Amino acid sequence: MRKLTIKNYFYLSLISFFIASNSFSQENKTTVIQDPRFGKLLKEKQQLDNSNESDENYTIQIFYGDRETAKKTLMGFKKDFKEIEATYLYTNPTYKVWVGKYKLRINAEKDLVEIKKKYPTALLIKPNR
């Protein structure tokens, strides 16, 4: 075998360097393509979580019963009382329409008096999760 000289080591190193620098590897680019409805769904989920977050809050229940009537009641309430937040939820086997989210009972009772004029079966509750 022939011994490699310094000149040959230099050429071998130079060739190795060019091969290594021109070789291709994975690039550090990640592209996420997401359905635009996902963002909307996430916002709705956050709103539902916030509206049902009522361990220490009072709310007013204006209806319980079937789904269609609950939707109609909710829409009617939103027309009559635009400044009060309202939602409906399903608890087996009925739907409930809950309105308002009050930290203090006195504030809930004030609104309850006004709401009872339009929805006489309304009642003040403190829901448990």
N, C-alpha and C. Protein backbone atom coordinates (compact mmCIF):
# COMPACT_ATOMS: atom_id res chain seq x y z
N MET A 1 0.81 -1.17 0.00
CA MET A 1 0.00 0.00 0.00
C MET A 1 0.86 1.25 0.00
N ARG A 2 0.33 2.15 -0.58
CA ARG A 2 1.06 3.39 -0.74
C ARG A 2 0.68 4.35 0.37
N LYS A 3 1.60 5.03 0.91
CA LYS A 3 1.33 5.98 1.97
C LYS A 3 0.84 7.28 1.35
N LEU A 4 -0.20 7.85 2.02
CA LEU A 4 -0.75 9.11 1.56
C LEU A 4 0.12 10.26 2.05
N THR A 5 0.39 11.15 1.18
CA THR A 5 1.19 12.32 1.55
C THR A 5 0.27 13.42 2.06
N ILE A 6 0.87 14.46 2.54
CA ILE A 6 0.11 15.60 3.05
C ILE A 6 -0.73 16.21 1.94
N LYS A 7 -0.18 16.24 0.74
CA LYS A 7 -0.88 16.79 -0.40
C LYS A 7 -2.14 15.97 -0.68
N ASN A 8 -2.06 14.67 -0.60
CA ASN A 8 -3.22 13.80 -0.84
C ASN A 8 -4.27 13.95 0.28
N TYR A 9 -3.79 14.11 1.52
CA TYR A 9 -4.72 14.35 2.62
C TYR A 9 -5.50 15.65 2.39
N PHE A 10 -4.78 16.65 1.90
CA PHE A 10 -5.42 17.94 1.64
C PHE A 10 -6.50 17.79 0.58
N TYR A 11 -6.19 17.11 -0.53
CA TYR A 11 -7.18 16.92 -1.59
C TYR A 11 -8.37 16.09 -1.12
N LEU A 12 -8.09 15.08 -0.36
CA LEU A 12 -9.15 14.21 0.16
C LEU A 12 -10.07 15.01 1.10
N SER A 13 -9.48 15.84 1.94
CA SER A 13 -10.27 16.67 2.86
C SER A 13 -11.10 17.69 2.09
N LEU A 14 -10.51 18.29 1.05
CA LEU A 14 -11.21 19.27 0.24
C LEU A 14 -12.40 18.65 -0.48
N ILE A 15 -12.22 17.50 -1.04
CA ILE A 15 -13.31 16.79 -1.73
C ILE A 15 -14.41 16.41 -0.74
N SER A 16 -14.03 15.93 0.42
CA SER A 16 -15.02 15.56 1.45
C SER A 16 -15.82 16.77 1.90
N PHE A 17 -15.16 17.91 2.02
CA PHE A 17 -15.84 19.13 2.43
C PHE A 17 -16.89 19.54 1.40
N PHE A 18 -16.54 19.53 0.11
CA PHE A 18 -17.49 19.90 -0.93
C PHE A 18 -18.65 18.93 -1.03
N ILE A 19 -18.40 17.69 -0.86
CA ILE A 19 -19.48 16.69 -0.90
C ILE A 19 -20.43 16.90 0.28
N ALA A 20 -19.88 17.14 1.44
CA ALA A 20 -20.70 17.33 2.64
C ALA A 20 -21.52 18.61 2.56
N SER A 21 -20.94 19.68 2.01
CA SER A 21 -21.66 20.94 1.96
C SER A 21 -22.75 20.94 0.89
N ASN A 22 -22.61 20.10 -0.13
CA ASN A 22 -23.60 20.05 -1.20
C ASN A 22 -24.65 18.96 -1.00
N SER A 23 -24.47 18.16 0.01
CA SER A 23 -25.47 17.11 0.24
C SER A 23 -26.73 17.74 0.83
N PHE A 24 -27.86 17.11 0.57
CA PHE A 24 -29.15 17.64 0.99
C PHE A 24 -29.62 16.92 2.24
N SER A 25 -30.21 17.69 3.11
CA SER A 25 -30.80 17.09 4.31
C SER A 25 -32.17 17.70 4.50
N GLN A 26 -32.83 17.34 5.58
CA GLN A 26 -34.17 17.87 5.84
C GLN A 26 -34.09 19.34 6.19
N GLU A 27 -35.04 20.09 5.72
CA GLU A 27 -35.10 21.50 6.04
C GLU A 27 -35.99 21.68 7.27
N ASN A 28 -35.77 22.75 7.98
CA ASN A 28 -36.50 23.01 9.22
C ASN A 28 -37.71 23.90 8.96
N LYS A 29 -38.53 23.53 8.00
CA LYS A 29 -39.74 24.29 7.70
C LYS A 29 -40.95 23.39 7.91
N THR A 30 -41.91 23.90 8.68
CA THR A 30 -43.14 23.17 8.92
C THR A 30 -44.30 24.06 8.52
N THR A 31 -45.17 23.54 7.69
CA THR A 31 -46.34 24.29 7.26
C THR A 31 -47.58 23.55 7.74
N VAL A 32 -48.40 24.26 8.49
CA VAL A 32 -49.64 23.67 8.99
C VAL A 32 -50.80 24.26 8.20
N ILE A 33 -51.54 23.39 7.57
CA ILE A 33 -52.72 23.82 6.84
C ILE A 33 -53.92 23.42 7.68
N GLN A 34 -54.67 24.43 8.09
CA GLN A 34 -55.77 24.20 9.03
C GLN A 34 -57.08 24.69 8.43
N ASP A 35 -58.11 23.94 8.65
CA ASP A 35 -59.44 24.33 8.19
C ASP A 35 -59.86 25.61 8.93
N PRO A 36 -60.33 26.62 8.22
CA PRO A 36 -60.72 27.87 8.90
C PRO A 36 -61.87 27.69 9.88
N ARG A 37 -62.64 26.64 9.73
CA ARG A 37 -63.75 26.40 10.66
C ARG A 37 -63.23 25.99 12.04
N PHE A 38 -61.98 25.50 12.09
CA PHE A 38 -61.41 25.07 13.36
C PHE A 38 -61.31 26.23 14.34
N GLY A 39 -60.86 27.40 13.86
CA GLY A 39 -60.75 28.57 14.72
C GLY A 39 -62.11 29.00 15.25
N LYS A 40 -63.11 28.96 14.38
CA LYS A 40 -64.46 29.32 14.80
C LYS A 40 -64.99 28.35 15.85
N LEU A 41 -64.74 27.06 15.63
CA LEU A 41 -65.16 26.04 16.58
C LEU A 41 -64.48 26.22 17.93
N LEU A 42 -63.20 26.56 17.90
CA LEU A 42 -62.46 26.77 19.14
C LEU A 42 -63.01 27.96 19.92
N LYS A 43 -63.36 29.05 19.23
CA LYS A 43 -63.94 30.21 19.89
C LYS A 43 -65.29 29.88 20.52
N GLU A 44 -66.12 29.11 19.80
CA GLU A 44 -67.42 28.72 20.35
C GLU A 44 -67.25 27.84 21.58
N LYS A 45 -66.28 26.95 21.54
CA LYS A 45 -66.01 26.07 22.69
C LYS A 45 -65.58 26.90 23.90
N GLN A 46 -64.73 27.89 23.67
CA GLN A 46 -64.29 28.75 24.76
C GLN A 46 -65.46 29.55 25.34
N GLN A 47 -66.36 30.01 24.48
CA GLN A 47 -67.53 30.73 24.96
C GLN A 47 -68.42 29.83 25.80
N LEU A 48 -68.61 28.59 25.35
CA LEU A 48 -69.42 27.65 26.11
C LEU A 48 -68.78 27.34 27.46
N ASP A 49 -67.46 27.16 27.46
CA ASP A 49 -66.78 26.89 28.72
C ASP A 49 -66.91 28.07 29.67
N ASN A 50 -66.79 29.28 29.13
CA ASN A 50 -66.92 30.47 29.98
C ASN A 50 -68.34 30.65 30.47
N SER A 51 -69.32 30.37 29.63
CA SER A 51 -70.71 30.57 30.03
C SER A 51 -71.16 29.51 31.03
N ASN A 52 -70.56 28.33 31.01
CA ASN A 52 -70.94 27.27 31.95
C ASN A 52 -70.05 27.24 33.18
N GLU A 53 -69.11 28.16 33.24
CA GLU A 53 -68.19 28.22 34.36
C GLU A 53 -68.88 28.94 35.51
N SER A 54 -69.70 28.22 36.24
CA SER A 54 -70.57 28.89 37.18
C SER A 54 -70.52 28.28 38.57
N ASP A 55 -69.36 27.85 39.01
CA ASP A 55 -69.25 27.29 40.34
C ASP A 55 -69.58 28.31 41.42
N GLU A 56 -69.22 29.56 41.19
CA GLU A 56 -69.44 30.58 42.20
C GLU A 56 -70.41 31.65 41.72
N ASN A 57 -71.12 31.39 40.64
CA ASN A 57 -72.00 32.39 40.06
C ASN A 57 -73.46 31.97 40.18
N TYR A 58 -74.30 32.99 40.13
CA TYR A 58 -75.75 32.75 40.07
C TYR A 58 -76.20 32.93 38.64
N THR A 59 -77.24 32.24 38.28
CA THR A 59 -77.84 32.40 36.96
C THR A 59 -79.35 32.27 37.09
N ILE A 60 -80.04 32.65 36.05
CA ILE A 60 -81.50 32.58 36.05
C ILE A 60 -81.93 31.59 34.98
N GLN A 61 -82.74 30.65 35.39
CA GLN A 61 -83.26 29.66 34.44
C GLN A 61 -84.66 30.10 34.04
N ILE A 62 -84.86 30.31 32.74
CA ILE A 62 -86.17 30.78 32.28
C ILE A 62 -86.99 29.68 31.61
N PHE A 63 -86.35 28.55 31.31
CA PHE A 63 -87.09 27.48 30.62
C PHE A 63 -86.38 26.15 30.81
N TYR A 64 -87.15 25.08 30.86
CA TYR A 64 -86.63 23.73 30.70
C TYR A 64 -87.68 22.91 29.98
N GLY A 65 -87.22 22.06 29.06
CA GLY A 65 -88.15 21.26 28.27
C GLY A 65 -87.50 20.78 26.99
N ASP A 66 -88.27 20.75 25.90
CA ASP A 66 -87.76 20.21 24.64
C ASP A 66 -86.85 21.20 23.92
N ARG A 67 -86.10 20.69 22.95
CA ARG A 67 -85.08 21.47 22.26
C ARG A 67 -85.65 22.63 21.46
N GLU A 68 -86.67 22.38 20.67
CA GLU A 68 -87.22 23.43 19.80
C GLU A 68 -87.77 24.60 20.61
N THR A 69 -88.50 24.29 21.66
CA THR A 69 -89.05 25.36 22.50
C THR A 69 -87.93 26.11 23.21
N ALA A 70 -86.87 25.39 23.59
CA ALA A 70 -85.73 26.04 24.23
C ALA A 70 -85.07 27.03 23.28
N LYS A 71 -84.92 26.64 22.02
CA LYS A 71 -84.34 27.55 21.02
C LYS A 71 -85.21 28.78 20.82
N LYS A 72 -86.52 28.56 20.72
CA LYS A 72 -87.44 29.69 20.53
C LYS A 72 -87.41 30.62 21.74
N THR A 73 -87.38 30.05 22.92
CA THR A 73 -87.33 30.85 24.14
C THR A 73 -86.04 31.66 24.19
N LEU A 74 -84.94 31.03 23.82
CA LEU A 74 -83.65 31.72 23.82
C LEU A 74 -83.65 32.89 22.84
N MET A 75 -84.17 32.67 21.64
CA MET A 75 -84.22 33.74 20.64
C MET A 75 -85.12 34.88 21.11
N GLY A 76 -86.26 34.54 21.69
CA GLY A 76 -87.17 35.57 22.22
C GLY A 76 -86.52 36.37 23.34
N PHE A 77 -85.79 35.68 24.20
CA PHE A 77 -85.13 36.37 25.31
C PHE A 77 -84.08 37.33 24.79
N LYS A 78 -83.31 36.88 23.81
CA LYS A 78 -82.25 37.75 23.26
C LYS A 78 -82.83 38.99 22.60
N LYS A 79 -84.05 38.89 22.04
CA LYS A 79 -84.70 40.07 21.47
C LYS A 79 -85.17 41.02 22.57
N ASP A 80 -85.70 40.46 23.65
CA ASP A 80 -86.26 41.27 24.73
C ASP A 80 -85.18 41.88 25.63
N PHE A 81 -84.14 41.13 25.92
CA PHE A 81 -83.09 41.55 26.85
C PHE A 81 -81.73 41.43 26.16
N LYS A 82 -81.39 42.41 25.35
CA LYS A 82 -80.15 42.37 24.57
C LYS A 82 -78.89 42.46 25.43
N GLU A 83 -78.99 43.11 26.57
CA GLU A 83 -77.80 43.34 27.38
C GLU A 83 -77.45 42.16 28.30
N ILE A 84 -78.33 41.17 28.40
CA ILE A 84 -78.07 40.02 29.27
C ILE A 84 -77.67 38.82 28.42
N GLU A 85 -76.57 38.22 28.78
CA GLU A 85 -76.07 37.04 28.06
C GLU A 85 -76.98 35.83 28.34
N ALA A 86 -77.19 35.00 27.32
CA ALA A 86 -78.09 33.85 27.47
C ALA A 86 -77.56 32.67 26.68
N THR A 87 -77.87 31.47 27.16
CA THR A 87 -77.46 30.25 26.47
C THR A 87 -78.43 29.13 26.83
N TYR A 88 -78.41 28.08 26.02
CA TYR A 88 -79.19 26.90 26.40
C TYR A 88 -78.26 25.70 26.45
N LEU A 89 -78.59 24.74 27.28
CA LEU A 89 -77.76 23.56 27.43
C LEU A 89 -78.63 22.34 27.65
N TYR A 90 -78.04 21.20 27.36
CA TYR A 90 -78.75 19.94 27.48
C TYR A 90 -78.32 19.23 28.74
N THR A 91 -79.29 18.91 29.56
CA THR A 91 -79.06 18.03 30.71
C THR A 91 -80.10 16.94 30.62
N ASN A 92 -79.65 15.75 30.54
CA ASN A 92 -80.52 14.61 30.27
C ASN A 92 -81.74 14.61 31.19
N PRO A 93 -82.92 14.61 30.74
CA PRO A 93 -83.45 14.48 29.39
C PRO A 93 -83.99 15.79 28.81
N THR A 94 -83.67 16.93 29.40
CA THR A 94 -84.28 18.19 28.94
C THR A 94 -83.23 19.23 28.58
N TYR A 95 -83.71 20.26 27.92
CA TYR A 95 -82.90 21.43 27.61
C TYR A 95 -83.28 22.54 28.58
N LYS A 96 -82.29 23.33 28.95
CA LYS A 96 -82.53 24.45 29.86
C LYS A 96 -82.02 25.72 29.21
N VAL A 97 -82.71 26.81 29.47
CA VAL A 97 -82.26 28.12 29.01
C VAL A 97 -81.82 28.90 30.25
N TRP A 98 -80.53 29.21 30.29
CA TRP A 98 -79.96 29.96 31.40
C TRP A 98 -79.57 31.34 30.90
N VAL A 99 -79.87 32.34 31.71
CA VAL A 99 -79.54 33.71 31.35
C VAL A 99 -78.77 34.38 32.48
N GLY A 100 -77.85 35.25 32.10
CA GLY A 100 -77.09 36.01 33.07
C GLY A 100 -76.04 35.18 33.77
N LYS A 101 -75.07 35.87 34.32
CA LYS A 101 -74.01 35.26 35.11
C LYS A 101 -73.65 36.30 36.16
N TYR A 102 -74.07 36.06 37.38
CA TYR A 102 -73.97 37.06 38.43
C TYR A 102 -73.10 36.55 39.57
N LYS A 103 -72.17 37.37 39.99
CA LYS A 103 -71.34 37.00 41.14
C LYS A 103 -72.09 37.26 42.44
N LEU A 104 -72.92 38.31 42.44
CA LEU A 104 -73.67 38.67 43.65
C LEU A 104 -75.14 38.32 43.48
N ARG A 105 -75.69 37.73 44.49
CA ARG A 105 -77.10 37.33 44.46
C ARG A 105 -78.03 38.54 44.29
N ILE A 106 -77.68 39.66 44.90
CA ILE A 106 -78.54 40.84 44.84
C ILE A 106 -78.72 41.33 43.40
N ASN A 107 -77.65 41.28 42.61
CA ASN A 107 -77.74 41.69 41.20
C ASN A 107 -78.62 40.72 40.41
N ALA A 108 -78.49 39.44 40.71
CA ALA A 108 -79.31 38.44 40.03
C ALA A 108 -80.79 38.63 40.38
N GLU A 109 -81.08 38.94 41.63
CA GLU A 109 -82.47 39.14 42.05
C GLU A 109 -83.09 40.37 41.40
N LYS A 110 -82.29 41.41 41.19
CA LYS A 110 -82.80 42.61 40.51
C LYS A 110 -83.23 42.27 39.09
N ASP A 111 -82.38 41.54 38.37
CA ASP A 111 -82.73 41.16 37.00
C ASP A 111 -83.87 40.15 36.98
N LEU A 112 -83.93 39.30 37.99
CA LEU A 112 -84.99 38.29 38.06
C LEU A 112 -86.37 38.95 38.11
N VAL A 113 -86.48 40.05 38.84
CA VAL A 113 -87.76 40.76 38.94
C VAL A 113 -88.21 41.21 37.55
N GLU A 114 -87.29 41.77 36.76
CA GLU A 114 -87.63 42.23 35.41
C GLU A 114 -87.92 41.06 34.47
N ILE A 115 -87.15 40.00 34.58
CA ILE A 115 -87.32 38.85 33.70
C ILE A 115 -88.64 38.13 33.99
N LYS A 116 -89.04 38.08 35.27
CA LYS A 116 -90.28 37.40 35.63
C LYS A 116 -91.52 38.05 35.02
N LYS A 117 -91.42 39.33 34.66
CA LYS A 117 -92.55 39.99 34.01
C LYS A 117 -92.84 39.36 32.66
N LYS A 118 -91.81 38.94 31.96
CA LYS A 118 -91.96 38.32 30.64
C LYS A 118 -91.98 36.78 30.74
N TYR A 119 -91.19 36.23 31.66
CA TYR A 119 -91.09 34.78 31.84
C TYR A 119 -91.42 34.44 33.28
N PRO A 120 -92.69 34.22 33.59
CA PRO A 120 -93.11 34.05 34.99
C PRO A 120 -92.55 32.80 35.67
N THR A 121 -92.10 31.81 34.92
CA THR A 121 -91.56 30.60 35.54
C THR A 121 -90.06 30.69 35.81
N ALA A 122 -89.47 31.86 35.58
CA ALA A 122 -88.03 32.04 35.80
C ALA A 122 -87.69 31.85 37.27
N LEU A 123 -86.52 31.26 37.50
CA LEU A 123 -86.06 31.07 38.87
C LEU A 123 -84.57 31.25 38.98
N LEU A 124 -84.14 31.68 40.14
CA LEU A 124 -82.73 31.93 40.41
C LEU A 124 -82.07 30.64 40.86
N ILE A 125 -80.93 30.31 40.26
CA ILE A 125 -80.25 29.07 40.64
C ILE A 125 -78.76 29.35 40.80
N LYS A 126 -78.11 28.49 41.53
CA LYS A 126 -76.64 28.50 41.64
C LYS A 126 -76.18 27.13 41.18
N PRO A 127 -75.85 27.01 39.90
CA PRO A 127 -75.54 25.70 39.34
C PRO A 127 -74.25 25.12 39.89
N ASN A 128 -74.23 23.81 39.98
CA ASN A 128 -73.03 23.08 40.39
C ASN A 128 -72.49 22.34 39.18
N ARG A 129 -71.19 22.28 39.05
CA ARG A 129 -70.59 21.55 37.92
C ARG A 129 -70.54 20.10 38.23
